[in-house]
Amino acid sequence: MKALLCTAFGPIDTLRLRDTPNPVPAAGEVVIAVKACALNFPDGLIVQGLYQTKPPLPFSPGAEFSGVILSVGNGVSDYKAGDAVIAFAGHGGLAEQCAVDAQRIMPLPAGMDFVQGAAFLLTYGTALHALKDVAQLRPDDTVAVLGAGGGVGLAAIDVAKAMGARVIAAASSPEKLQLAQAHGANQLIDYTQCDLRKTLLDCTDGAGPDVVLDPVGGAHTEAALRATAWRGRYLVVGFAAGDIPRIALNLALLKERQILGVYWGEAVQRNPKQHTANVRQLLQWFASGLVRPEITETVSLDKATDAIARMSCGETRGKVVITIANCG
């Protein structure tokens, strides 16, 4: 089979498409013929050795994907060959086939195609966990979403709106803000063109947003935190800007703000019942049209290295999906 392989941690452009042996399922695993694999910011980090986890070499990046089960290992009774599924494996999806723990897959929902299925679980699971479980979002809250034109940002807008909140979308270009507006954002901020703290306060009549969801980090974090409301919740989701900010803790003290970490992958392992309930809610919202992954590009596996590099530099919008086989 063909697979995009990382053979040593290093620059993204060292990834190579190679022929590798077909996987065989171990006990508790299934082997999936991959149809589509969505890109996420950690895919660029993991090949550089910069992510929280480091898979054994060689490996293929690609955390979330969809496809059809080819074979099942001993002990797998809930799935069979021929079942269409989506998977969150952490890595391995940028290949024609992938062996996955059966506990990390779910049936492809009715009405969802393989491309949508590949682009759904990670960003929407992260957004709902962040806003519902961590921030305990209330319907009358105002949520400011940084990086609002990216996959997590757009998912957060959808989820916040579905939960009844008002959304301020902040992003780095008019094109990204246009996507945010299409997903229902109430107000738009290009944070490359303004004083972010002042503008957030102006948008909220001086009170500041109740919740800030930040998958970006970098230079805008302190300004957004300074604008957060009394007893507001600041959600640390990631560092797409490349910089992990150093924050003076008096900014939390002065307005009794909470700075809260969001680590969806670990939360899924620690509380699978909560995850199951969240997925059920997301699928209900998808069926009713309240949430929808914004897929802006589909590219073939031989173009995946370039797509990962562009995503890592902030040059993509929404979700980029790598199509491995016929996804019709």
C-alpha atoms as a PDB file:
ATOM      1  CA  MET A   1       0.000   0.000   0.000  1.00  0.00           C
ATOM      2  CA  LYS A   2       0.968   3.674  -0.312  1.00  0.00           C
ATOM      3  CA  ALA A   3       1.562   5.706   2.846  1.00  0.00           C
ATOM      4  CA  LEU A   4       2.927   9.165   3.611  1.00  0.00           C
ATOM      5  CA  LEU A   5       5.765   8.326   5.986  1.00  0.00           C
ATOM      6  CA  CYS A   6       7.679  10.210   8.641  1.00  0.00           C
ATOM      7  CA  THR A   7      10.948   8.299   9.092  1.00  0.00           C
ATOM      8  CA  ALA A   8      12.646  10.839  11.382  1.00  0.00           C
ATOM      9  CA  PHE A   9      11.304  13.820  13.329  1.00  0.00           C
ATOM     10  CA  GLY A  10      12.094  16.956  11.387  1.00  0.00           C
ATOM     11  CA  PRO A  11      10.819  19.402   8.778  1.00  0.00           C
ATOM     12  CA  ILE A  12       7.449  18.713   7.180  1.00  0.00           C
ATOM     13  CA  ASP A  13       8.991  18.632   3.698  1.00  0.00           C
ATOM     14  CA  THR A  14      10.898  15.453   4.591  1.00  0.00           C
ATOM     15  CA  LEU A  15       7.654  13.430   4.470  1.00  0.00           C
ATOM     16  CA  ARG A  16       7.681  10.941   1.598  1.00  0.00           C
ATOM     17  CA  LEU A  17       5.062   8.771  -0.109  1.00  0.00           C
ATOM     18  CA  ARG A  18       6.294   5.168   0.127  1.00  0.00           C
ATOM     19  CA  ASP A  19       5.179   1.596  -0.501  1.00  0.00           C
ATOM     20  CA  THR A  20       4.704  -0.208   2.830  1.00  0.00           C
ATOM     21  CA  PRO A  21       3.281  -3.608   3.834  1.00  0.00           C
ATOM     22  CA  ASN A  22      -0.474  -3.829   4.354  1.00  0.00           C
ATOM     23  CA  PRO A  23      -1.331  -3.785   8.081  1.00  0.00           C
ATOM     24  CA  VAL A  24      -2.740  -6.825   9.849  1.00  0.00           C
ATOM     25  CA  PRO A  25      -5.178  -6.265  12.722  1.00  0.00           C
ATOM     26  CA  ALA A  26      -3.980  -7.220  16.192  1.00  0.00           C
ATOM     27  CA  ALA A  27      -6.450  -8.326  18.857  1.00  0.00           C
ATOM     28  CA  GLY A  28      -8.995  -5.556  19.406  1.00  0.00           C
ATOM     29  CA  GLU A  29      -8.100  -3.773  16.175  1.00  0.00           C
ATOM     30  CA  VAL A  30      -9.658  -3.270  12.753  1.00  0.00           C
ATOM     31  CA  VAL A  31      -7.955  -2.492   9.475  1.00  0.00           C
ATOM     32  CA  ILE A  32      -9.614   0.332   7.543  1.00  0.00           C
ATOM     33  CA  ALA A  33      -9.328   1.091   3.835  1.00  0.00           C
ATOM     34  CA  VAL A  34      -8.968   4.860   4.196  1.00  0.00           C
ATOM     35  CA  LYS A  35     -11.233   6.956   1.988  1.00  0.00           C
ATOM     36  CA  ALA A  36     -10.469  10.425   3.362  1.00  0.00           C
ATOM     37  CA  CYS A  37      -8.240  11.967   6.039  1.00  0.00           C
ATOM     38  CA  ALA A  38      -8.714  15.492   7.412  1.00  0.00           C
ATOM     39  CA  LEU A  39      -5.721  17.618   8.335  1.00  0.00           C
ATOM     40  CA  ASN A  40      -5.421  19.218  11.764  1.00  0.00           C
ATOM     41  CA  PHE A  41      -2.744  21.489  13.205  1.00  0.00           C
ATOM     42  CA  PRO A  42      -1.194  18.711  15.350  1.00  0.00           C
ATOM     43  CA  ASP A  43      -0.375  16.771  12.159  1.00  0.00           C
ATOM     44  CA  GLY A  44       2.323  19.328  11.396  1.00  0.00           C
ATOM     45  CA  LEU A  45       3.618  19.301  14.959  1.00  0.00           C
ATOM     46  CA  ILE A  46       3.774  15.530  15.324  1.00  0.00           C
ATOM     47  CA  VAL A  47       6.118  15.010  12.344  1.00  0.00           C
ATOM     48  CA  GLN A  48       8.469  17.670  13.750  1.00  0.00           C
ATOM     49  CA  GLY A  49       8.533  15.992  17.164  1.00  0.00           C
ATOM     50  CA  LEU A  50       6.794  18.998  18.726  1.00  0.00           C
ATOM     51  CA  TYR A  51       3.541  17.380  19.833  1.00  0.00           C
ATOM     52  CA  GLN A  52       2.631  15.948  23.256  1.00  0.00           C
ATOM     53  CA  THR A  53       2.932  12.400  21.913  1.00  0.00           C
ATOM     54  CA  LYS A  54       5.639  10.935  19.685  1.00  0.00           C
ATOM     55  CA  PRO A  55       4.663   7.773  17.772  1.00  0.00           C
ATOM     56  CA  PRO A  56       7.326   5.137  17.105  1.00  0.00           C
ATOM     57  CA  LEU A  57       9.090   5.662  13.785  1.00  0.00           C
ATOM     58  CA  PRO A  58       8.264   5.275  10.968  1.00  0.00           C
ATOM     59  CA  PHE A  59       4.640   6.431  11.035  1.00  0.00           C
ATOM     60  CA  SER A  60       2.071   8.248   8.935  1.00  0.00           C
ATOM     61  CA  PRO A  61       0.484  11.460  10.249  1.00  0.00           C
ATOM     62  CA  GLY A  62      -3.282  11.920  10.007  1.00  0.00           C
ATOM     63  CA  ALA A  63      -5.267  11.854  13.242  1.00  0.00           C
ATOM     64  CA  GLU A  64      -8.837  11.578  11.937  1.00  0.00           C
ATOM     65  CA  PHE A  65     -10.122   9.753   8.888  1.00  0.00           C
ATOM     66  CA  SER A  66     -12.946   7.734   7.413  1.00  0.00           C
ATOM     67  CA  GLY A  67     -13.195   4.567   5.383  1.00  0.00           C
ATOM     68  CA  VAL A  68     -14.414   0.998   5.144  1.00  0.00           C
ATOM     69  CA  ILE A  69     -13.337  -1.867   7.391  1.00  0.00           C
ATOM     70  CA  LEU A  70     -11.335  -4.528   5.542  1.00  0.00           C
ATOM     71  CA  SER A  71     -10.724  -6.950   8.406  1.00  0.00           C
ATOM     72  CA  VAL A  72     -11.162  -7.291  12.167  1.00  0.00           C
ATOM     73  CA  GLY A  73      -8.908  -8.746  14.826  1.00  0.00           C
ATOM     74  CA  ASN A  74      -9.724 -11.197  17.589  1.00  0.00           C
ATOM     75  CA  GLY A  75     -12.159  -9.883  20.157  1.00  0.00           C
ATOM     76  CA  VAL A  76     -13.852  -7.336  17.867  1.00  0.00           C
ATOM     77  CA  SER A  77     -17.578  -8.077  17.792  1.00  0.00           C
ATOM     78  CA  ASP A  78     -19.230  -4.691  17.207  1.00  0.00           C
ATOM     79  CA  TYR A  79     -17.833  -4.209  13.693  1.00  0.00           C
ATOM     80  CA  LYS A  80     -17.334  -6.333  10.583  1.00  0.00           C
ATOM     81  CA  ALA A  81     -15.701  -6.102   7.176  1.00  0.00           C
ATOM     82  CA  GLY A  82     -17.608  -3.726   4.937  1.00  0.00           C
ATOM     83  CA  ASP A  83     -18.728  -1.322   7.692  1.00  0.00           C
ATOM     84  CA  ALA A  84     -18.252   2.374   6.905  1.00  0.00           C
ATOM     85  CA  VAL A  85     -16.622   4.142   9.873  1.00  0.00           C
ATOM     86  CA  ILE A  86     -14.862   7.265  11.063  1.00  0.00           C
ATOM     87  CA  ALA A  87     -11.787   7.015  13.256  1.00  0.00           C
ATOM     88  CA  PHE A  88      -9.705   9.110  15.605  1.00  0.00           C
ATOM     89  CA  ALA A  89      -6.413   7.238  15.830  1.00  0.00           C
ATOM     90  CA  GLY A  90      -3.988  10.062  16.632  1.00  0.00           C
ATOM     91  CA  HIS A  91      -1.890   9.193  13.565  1.00  0.00           C
ATOM     92  CA  GLY A  92      -1.822   6.767  10.652  1.00  0.00           C
ATOM     93  CA  GLY A  93      -4.596   8.159   8.469  1.00  0.00           C
ATOM     94  CA  LEU A  94      -2.465   9.403   5.567  1.00  0.00           C
ATOM     95  CA  ALA A  95      -2.174   5.926   4.091  1.00  0.00           C
ATOM     96  CA  GLU A  96      -4.284   3.644   1.961  1.00  0.00           C
ATOM     97  CA  GLN A  97      -4.889   1.366   4.954  1.00  0.00           C
ATOM     98  CA  CYS A  98      -4.621   1.840   8.721  1.00  0.00           C
ATOM     99  CA  ALA A  99      -4.905  -0.511  11.706  1.00  0.00           C
ATOM    100  CA  VAL A 100      -6.918   1.126  14.501  1.00  0.00           C
ATOM    101  CA  ASP A 101      -8.058   0.162  17.988  1.00  0.00           C
ATOM    102  CA  ALA A 102     -11.770  -0.630  17.632  1.00  0.00           C
ATOM    103  CA  GLN A 103     -12.501   1.633  20.603  1.00  0.00           C
ATOM    104  CA  ARG A 104     -11.342   4.606  18.495  1.00  0.00           C
ATOM    105  CA  ILE A 105     -13.872   4.207  15.703  1.00  0.00           C
ATOM    106  CA  MET A 106     -17.583   4.826  15.257  1.00  0.00           C
ATOM    107  CA  PRO A 107     -20.061   4.104  12.449  1.00  0.00           C
ATOM    108  CA  LEU A 108     -20.212   6.696   9.685  1.00  0.00           C
ATOM    109  CA  PRO A 109     -23.471   8.499  10.499  1.00  0.00           C
ATOM    110  CA  ALA A 110     -26.389   8.441   8.086  1.00  0.00           C
ATOM    111  CA  GLY A 111     -26.344  11.455   5.787  1.00  0.00           C
ATOM    112  CA  MET A 112     -22.601  12.031   6.219  1.00  0.00           C
ATOM    113  CA  ASP A 113     -20.216  11.238   3.361  1.00  0.00           C
ATOM    114  CA  PHE A 114     -16.634  10.075   3.819  1.00  0.00           C
ATOM    115  CA  VAL A 115     -15.127  13.550   3.367  1.00  0.00           C
ATOM    116  CA  GLN A 116     -17.481  15.071   5.954  1.00  0.00           C
ATOM    117  CA  GLY A 117     -16.881  12.126   8.272  1.00  0.00           C
ATOM    118  CA  ALA A 118     -13.125  12.620   8.144  1.00  0.00           C
ATOM    119  CA  ALA A 119     -13.497  16.316   8.987  1.00  0.00           C
ATOM    120  CA  PHE A 120     -16.036  16.063  11.779  1.00  0.00           C
ATOM    121  CA  LEU A 121     -14.933  14.441  15.015  1.00  0.00           C
ATOM    122  CA  LEU A 122     -11.770  16.198  16.174  1.00  0.00           C
ATOM    123  CA  THR A 123     -12.736  19.838  15.705  1.00  0.00           C
ATOM    124  CA  TYR A 124     -16.360  19.524  16.767  1.00  0.00           C
ATOM    125  CA  GLY A 125     -15.490  17.183  19.639  1.00  0.00           C
ATOM    126  CA  THR A 126     -12.893  19.688  20.836  1.00  0.00           C
ATOM    127  CA  ALA A 127     -15.270  22.635  20.515  1.00  0.00           C
ATOM    128  CA  LEU A 128     -18.142  21.019  22.394  1.00  0.00           C
ATOM    129  CA  HIS A 129     -15.879  19.666  25.132  1.00  0.00           C
ATOM    130  CA  ALA A 130     -14.278  23.101  25.530  1.00  0.00           C
ATOM    131  CA  LEU A 131     -17.498  25.109  25.660  1.00  0.00           C
ATOM    132  CA  LYS A 132     -19.803  22.678  27.473  1.00  0.00           C
ATOM    133  CA  ASP A 133     -17.603  20.581  29.745  1.00  0.00           C
ATOM    134  CA  VAL A 134     -14.772  22.999  30.503  1.00  0.00           C
ATOM    135  CA  ALA A 135     -16.302  26.492  30.223  1.00  0.00           C
ATOM    136  CA  GLN A 136     -19.861  25.449  31.189  1.00  0.00           C
ATOM    137  CA  LEU A 137     -21.215  27.863  28.601  1.00  0.00           C
ATOM    138  CA  ARG A 138     -24.568  29.514  29.318  1.00  0.00           C
ATOM    139  CA  PRO A 139     -27.067  30.589  26.628  1.00  0.00           C
ATOM    140  CA  ASP A 140     -26.681  34.279  27.519  1.00  0.00           C
ATOM    141  CA  ASP A 141     -22.867  34.242  27.344  1.00  0.00           C
ATOM    142  CA  THR A 142     -20.779  36.065  24.764  1.00  0.00           C
ATOM    143  CA  VAL A 143     -17.989  33.939  23.284  1.00  0.00           C
ATOM    144  CA  ALA A 144     -14.946  35.381  21.497  1.00  0.00           C
ATOM    145  CA  VAL A 145     -13.327  32.864  19.154  1.00  0.00           C
ATOM    146  CA  LEU A 146      -9.733  33.507  18.069  1.00  0.00           C
ATOM    147  CA  GLY A 147      -8.501  31.818  14.903  1.00  0.00           C
ATOM    148  CA  ALA A 148     -12.120  31.874  13.812  1.00  0.00           C
ATOM    149  CA  GLY A 149     -11.380  30.912  10.199  1.00  0.00           C
ATOM    150  CA  GLY A 150      -9.685  27.622  11.069  1.00  0.00           C
ATOM    151  CA  GLY A 151     -11.191  24.207  11.688  1.00  0.00           C
ATOM    152  CA  VAL A 152     -11.501  24.469  15.474  1.00  0.00           C
ATOM    153  CA  GLY A 153     -12.549  28.129  15.274  1.00  0.00           C
ATOM    154  CA  LEU A 154     -15.400  27.504  12.827  1.00  0.00           C
ATOM    155  CA  ALA A 155     -16.527  24.462  14.814  1.00  0.00           C
ATOM    156  CA  ALA A 156     -16.545  26.590  17.978  1.00  0.00           C
ATOM    157  CA  ILE A 157     -18.755  29.175  16.271  1.00  0.00           C
ATOM    158  CA  ASP A 158     -21.223  26.461  15.231  1.00  0.00           C
ATOM    159  CA  VAL A 159     -21.285  24.886  18.695  1.00  0.00           C
ATOM    160  CA  ALA A 160     -21.576  28.206  20.557  1.00  0.00           C
ATOM    161  CA  LYS A 161     -24.472  29.275  18.341  1.00  0.00           C
ATOM    162  CA  ALA A 162     -26.177  25.896  18.788  1.00  0.00           C
ATOM    163  CA  MET A 163     -25.883  26.405  22.571  1.00  0.00           C
ATOM    164  CA  GLY A 164     -27.521  29.834  22.323  1.00  0.00           C
ATOM    165  CA  ALA A 165     -24.484  32.067  22.833  1.00  0.00           C
ATOM    166  CA  ARG A 166     -23.502  35.271  21.024  1.00  0.00           C
ATOM    167  CA  VAL A 167     -20.246  34.968  19.075  1.00  0.00           C
ATOM    168  CA  ILE A 168     -17.486  37.441  18.272  1.00  0.00           C
ATOM    169  CA  ALA A 169     -15.184  35.972  15.606  1.00  0.00           C
ATOM    170  CA  ALA A 170     -11.569  37.165  15.447  1.00  0.00           C
ATOM    171  CA  ALA A 171      -9.266  36.124  12.606  1.00  0.00           C
ATOM    172  CA  SER A 172      -6.349  37.326  10.507  1.00  0.00           C
ATOM    173  CA  SER A 173      -7.943  38.045   7.119  1.00  0.00           C
ATOM    174  CA  PRO A 174     -11.210  39.141   5.507  1.00  0.00           C
ATOM    175  CA  GLU A 175     -11.498  35.757   3.790  1.00  0.00           C
ATOM    176  CA  LYS A 176     -11.376  33.898   7.112  1.00  0.00           C
ATOM    177  CA  LEU A 177     -13.871  36.313   8.651  1.00  0.00           C
ATOM    178  CA  GLN A 178     -16.202  35.766   5.709  1.00  0.00           C
ATOM    179  CA  LEU A 179     -16.307  32.060   6.574  1.00  0.00           C
ATOM    180  CA  ALA A 180     -16.934  32.900  10.231  1.00  0.00           C
ATOM    181  CA  GLN A 181     -19.830  35.124   9.262  1.00  0.00           C
ATOM    182  CA  ALA A 182     -21.300  32.362   7.105  1.00  0.00           C
ATOM    183  CA  HIS A 183     -21.273  30.137  10.194  1.00  0.00           C
ATOM    184  CA  GLY A 184     -23.297  32.660  12.174  1.00  0.00           C
ATOM    185  CA  ALA A 185     -20.785  34.892  13.973  1.00  0.00           C
ATOM    186  CA  ASN A 186     -22.521  38.023  15.268  1.00  0.00           C
ATOM    187  CA  GLN A 187     -19.494  40.340  15.099  1.00  0.00           C
ATOM    188  CA  LEU A 188     -16.189  40.174  13.240  1.00  0.00           C
ATOM    189  CA  ILE A 189     -12.696  41.392  14.203  1.00  0.00           C
ATOM    190  CA  ASP A 190      -9.587  41.366  12.013  1.00  0.00           C
ATOM    191  CA  TYR A 191      -7.013  41.347  14.774  1.00  0.00           C
ATOM    192  CA  THR A 192      -4.206  42.312  12.407  1.00  0.00           C
ATOM    193  CA  GLN A 193      -5.881  45.687  11.858  1.00  0.00           C
ATOM    194  CA  CYS A 194      -6.902  46.814  15.361  1.00  0.00           C
ATOM    195  CA  ASP A 195      -6.239  46.903  19.083  1.00  0.00           C
ATOM    196  CA  LEU A 196      -7.803  43.542  19.970  1.00  0.00           C
ATOM    197  CA  ARG A 197      -8.391  44.336  23.652  1.00  0.00           C
ATOM    198  CA  LYS A 198     -10.130  47.633  22.916  1.00  0.00           C
ATOM    199  CA  THR A 199     -12.200  46.180  20.085  1.00  0.00           C
ATOM    200  CA  LEU A 200     -13.405  43.238  22.195  1.00  0.00           C
ATOM    201  CA  LEU A 201     -14.440  45.672  24.923  1.00  0.00           C
ATOM    202  CA  ASP A 202     -16.186  47.913  22.380  1.00  0.00           C
ATOM    203  CA  CYS A 203     -18.099  44.897  21.036  1.00  0.00           C
ATOM    204  CA  THR A 204     -19.380  44.092  24.536  1.00  0.00           C
ATOM    205  CA  ASP A 205     -20.191  47.593  25.841  1.00  0.00           C
ATOM    206  CA  GLY A 206     -17.075  47.516  27.997  1.00  0.00           C
ATOM    207  CA  ALA A 207     -17.900  44.259  29.815  1.00  0.00           C
ATOM    208  CA  GLY A 208     -15.683  41.911  27.793  1.00  0.00           C
ATOM    209  CA  PRO A 209     -16.535  38.422  26.511  1.00  0.00           C
ATOM    210  CA  ASP A 210     -17.618  35.827  29.059  1.00  0.00           C
ATOM    211  CA  VAL A 211     -15.629  33.102  27.299  1.00  0.00           C
ATOM    212  CA  VAL A 212     -12.600  33.321  25.012  1.00  0.00           C
ATOM    213  CA  LEU A 213     -11.667  30.230  23.005  1.00  0.00           C
ATOM    214  CA  ASP A 214      -8.055  30.451  21.870  1.00  0.00           C
ATOM    215  CA  PRO A 215      -6.512  27.809  19.561  1.00  0.00           C
ATOM    216  CA  VAL A 216      -3.868  30.291  18.371  1.00  0.00           C
ATOM    217  CA  GLY A 217      -1.719  31.538  21.257  1.00  0.00           C
ATOM    218  CA  GLY A 218       1.034  33.958  20.329  1.00  0.00           C
ATOM    219  CA  ALA A 219       0.829  37.739  20.392  1.00  0.00           C
ATOM    220  CA  HIS A 220      -2.951  38.089  20.714  1.00  0.00           C
ATOM    221  CA  THR A 221      -3.424  35.979  23.863  1.00  0.00           C
ATOM    222  CA  GLU A 222      -2.589  38.656  26.434  1.00  0.00           C
ATOM    223  CA  ALA A 223      -4.797  41.265  24.730  1.00  0.00           C
ATOM    224  CA  ALA A 224      -7.746  38.870  24.626  1.00  0.00           C
ATOM    225  CA  LEU A 225      -7.231  37.833  28.245  1.00  0.00           C
ATOM    226  CA  ARG A 226      -7.096  41.482  29.338  1.00  0.00           C
ATOM    227  CA  ALA A 227     -10.485  41.984  27.672  1.00  0.00           C
ATOM    228  CA  THR A 228     -12.136  38.938  29.252  1.00  0.00           C
ATOM    229  CA  ALA A 229     -15.078  39.743  31.528  1.00  0.00           C
ATOM    230  CA  TRP A 230     -15.356  39.530  35.306  1.00  0.00           C
ATOM    231  CA  ARG A 231     -15.148  35.820  36.155  1.00  0.00           C
ATOM    232  CA  GLY A 232     -14.691  35.089  32.472  1.00  0.00           C
ATOM    233  CA  ARG A 233     -13.253  31.802  31.254  1.00  0.00           C
ATOM    234  CA  TYR A 234     -10.223  31.755  28.968  1.00  0.00           C
ATOM    235  CA  LEU A 235      -9.905  28.447  27.094  1.00  0.00           C
ATOM    236  CA  VAL A 236      -6.383  27.422  26.078  1.00  0.00           C
ATOM    237  CA  VAL A 237      -6.907  25.070  23.124  1.00  0.00           C
ATOM    238  CA  GLY A 238      -3.621  25.275  21.207  1.00  0.00           C
ATOM    239  CA  PHE A 239      -0.785  27.364  19.831  1.00  0.00           C
ATOM    240  CA  ALA A 240      -1.230  27.599  16.072  1.00  0.00           C
ATOM    241  CA  ALA A 241       0.805  30.833  16.055  1.00  0.00           C
ATOM    242  CA  GLY A 242       3.816  28.797  17.183  1.00  0.00           C
ATOM    243  CA  ASP A 243       4.382  30.780  20.403  1.00  0.00           C
ATOM    244  CA  ILE A 244       3.312  29.607  23.862  1.00  0.00           C
ATOM    245  CA  PRO A 245       2.510  32.886  25.673  1.00  0.00           C
ATOM    246  CA  ARG A 246       3.897  33.729  29.124  1.00  0.00           C
ATOM    247  CA  ILE A 247       1.036  35.313  31.044  1.00  0.00           C
ATOM    248  CA  ALA A 248       1.264  37.416  34.220  1.00  0.00           C
ATOM    249  CA  LEU A 249      -1.057  35.750  36.733  1.00  0.00           C
ATOM    250  CA  ASN A 250      -2.304  39.069  38.066  1.00  0.00           C
ATOM    251  CA  LEU A 251      -4.475  39.184  34.921  1.00  0.00           C
ATOM    252  CA  ALA A 252      -6.405  36.237  36.340  1.00  0.00           C
ATOM    253  CA  LEU A 253      -6.553  37.743  39.827  1.00  0.00           C
ATOM    254  CA  LEU A 254      -7.825  41.219  38.908  1.00  0.00           C
ATOM    255  CA  LYS A 255     -11.145  40.036  37.513  1.00  0.00           C
ATOM    256  CA  GLU A 256     -11.320  36.534  39.028  1.00  0.00           C
ATOM    257  CA  ARG A 257     -10.806  35.118  35.571  1.00  0.00           C
ATOM    258  CA  GLN A 258     -10.248  31.421  34.998  1.00  0.00           C
ATOM    259  CA  ILE A 259      -7.543  30.196  32.609  1.00  0.00           C
ATOM    260  CA  LEU A 260      -8.631  26.697  31.587  1.00  0.00           C
ATOM    261  CA  GLY A 261      -6.795  24.101  29.533  1.00  0.00           C
ATOM    262  CA  VAL A 262      -8.628  22.042  26.913  1.00  0.00           C
ATOM    263  CA  TYR A 263      -7.168  18.617  25.999  1.00  0.00           C
ATOM    264  CA  TRP A 264      -9.942  16.762  24.191  1.00  0.00           C
ATOM    265  CA  GLY A 265      -7.979  13.604  23.365  1.00  0.00           C
ATOM    266  CA  GLU A 266      -7.102  12.962  27.011  1.00  0.00           C
ATOM    267  CA  ALA A 267     -10.629  13.851  28.151  1.00  0.00           C
ATOM    268  CA  VAL A 268     -12.057  11.215  25.804  1.00  0.00           C
ATOM    269  CA  GLN A 269      -9.898   8.554  27.452  1.00  0.00           C
ATOM    270  CA  ARG A 270     -10.687   9.676  30.996  1.00  0.00           C
ATOM    271  CA  ASN A 271     -14.439  10.112  30.553  1.00  0.00           C
ATOM    272  CA  PRO A 272     -15.720   7.993  27.636  1.00  0.00           C
ATOM    273  CA  LYS A 273     -19.358   8.325  28.756  1.00  0.00           C
ATOM    274  CA  GLN A 274     -19.144  12.105  28.510  1.00  0.00           C
ATOM    275  CA  HIS A 275     -17.554  11.763  25.066  1.00  0.00           C
ATOM    276  CA  THR A 276     -20.330   9.429  23.899  1.00  0.00           C
ATOM    277  CA  ALA A 277     -22.965  11.914  25.066  1.00  0.00           C
ATOM    278  CA  ASN A 278     -21.157  14.758  23.286  1.00  0.00           C
ATOM    279  CA  VAL A 279     -20.950  12.804  20.025  1.00  0.00           C
ATOM    280  CA  ARG A 280     -24.667  12.032  20.268  1.00  0.00           C
ATOM    281  CA  GLN A 281     -25.392  15.753  20.674  1.00  0.00           C
ATOM    282  CA  LEU A 282     -23.142  16.687  17.755  1.00  0.00           C
ATOM    283  CA  LEU A 283     -24.827  14.172  15.466  1.00  0.00           C
ATOM    284  CA  GLN A 284     -28.243  15.564  16.386  1.00  0.00           C
ATOM    285  CA  TRP A 285     -27.008  19.059  15.524  1.00  0.00           C
ATOM    286  CA  PHE A 286     -25.507  17.801  12.253  1.00  0.00           C
ATOM    287  CA  ALA A 287     -28.786  16.144  11.281  1.00  0.00           C
ATOM    288  CA  SER A 288     -30.643  19.388  11.960  1.00  0.00           C
ATOM    289  CA  GLY A 289     -28.097  21.525  10.072  1.00  0.00           C
ATOM    290  CA  LEU A 290     -26.767  23.415  13.098  1.00  0.00           C
ATOM    291  CA  VAL A 291     -23.188  22.199  12.640  1.00  0.00           C
ATOM    292  CA  ARG A 292     -21.361  21.419   9.397  1.00  0.00           C
ATOM    293  CA  PRO A 293     -17.648  21.027   8.711  1.00  0.00           C
ATOM    294  CA  GLU A 294     -16.341  23.744   6.394  1.00  0.00           C
ATOM    295  CA  ILE A 295     -14.301  21.774   3.855  1.00  0.00           C
ATOM    296  CA  THR A 296     -12.423  24.298   1.744  1.00  0.00           C
ATOM    297  CA  GLU A 297     -10.048  21.932  -0.084  1.00  0.00           C
ATOM    298  CA  THR A 298      -9.783  18.270  -1.044  1.00  0.00           C
ATOM    299  CA  VAL A 299      -6.399  17.146  -2.356  1.00  0.00           C
ATOM    300  CA  SER A 300      -4.860  13.791  -3.247  1.00  0.00           C
ATOM    301  CA  LEU A 301      -2.406  11.870  -1.066  1.00  0.00           C
ATOM    302  CA  ASP A 302       0.591  12.871  -3.210  1.00  0.00           C
ATOM    303  CA  LYS A 303      -0.182  16.536  -2.420  1.00  0.00           C
ATOM    304  CA  ALA A 304      -0.568  16.000   1.330  1.00  0.00           C
ATOM    305  CA  THR A 305       2.930  17.194   2.323  1.00  0.00           C
ATOM    306  CA  ASP A 306       2.339  20.582   0.721  1.00  0.00           C
ATOM    307  CA  ALA A 307      -1.112  20.832   2.327  1.00  0.00           C
ATOM    308  CA  ILE A 308       0.292  20.099   5.799  1.00  0.00           C
ATOM    309  CA  ALA A 309       2.979  22.744   5.305  1.00  0.00           C
ATOM    310  CA  ARG A 310       0.453  25.361   4.167  1.00  0.00           C
ATOM    311  CA  MET A 311      -1.830  24.571   7.111  1.00  0.00           C
ATOM    312  CA  SER A 312       1.077  24.851   9.545  1.00  0.00           C
ATOM    313  CA  CYS A 313       1.849  28.340   8.190  1.00  0.00           C
ATOM    314  CA  GLY A 314      -1.747  29.534   8.579  1.00  0.00           C
ATOM    315  CA  GLU A 315      -2.344  29.634   4.821  1.00  0.00           C
ATOM    316  CA  THR A 316      -5.455  27.421   4.827  1.00  0.00           C
ATOM    317  CA  ARG A 317      -9.025  28.037   5.961  1.00  0.00           C
ATOM    318  CA  GLY A 318     -11.581  25.664   7.419  1.00  0.00           C
ATOM    319  CA  LYS A 319     -10.761  21.999   6.901  1.00  0.00           C
ATOM    320  CA  VAL A 320      -8.454  20.507   4.273  1.00  0.00           C
ATOM    321  CA  VAL A 321      -9.209  16.861   3.490  1.00  0.00           C
ATOM    322  CA  ILE A 322      -6.888  14.394   1.774  1.00  0.00           C
ATOM    323  CA  THR A 323      -8.807  11.967  -0.406  1.00  0.00           C
ATOM    324  CA  ILE A 324      -7.197   8.535  -0.503  1.00  0.00           C
ATOM    325  CA  ALA A 325      -9.730   6.703  -2.690  1.00  0.00           C
ATOM    326  CA  ASN A 326     -13.062   7.305  -4.415  1.00  0.00           C
ATOM    327  CA  CYS A 327     -15.126   9.145  -1.785  1.00  0.00           C
ATOM    328  CA  GLY A 328     -18.414   9.307  -3.631  1.00  0.00           C
END
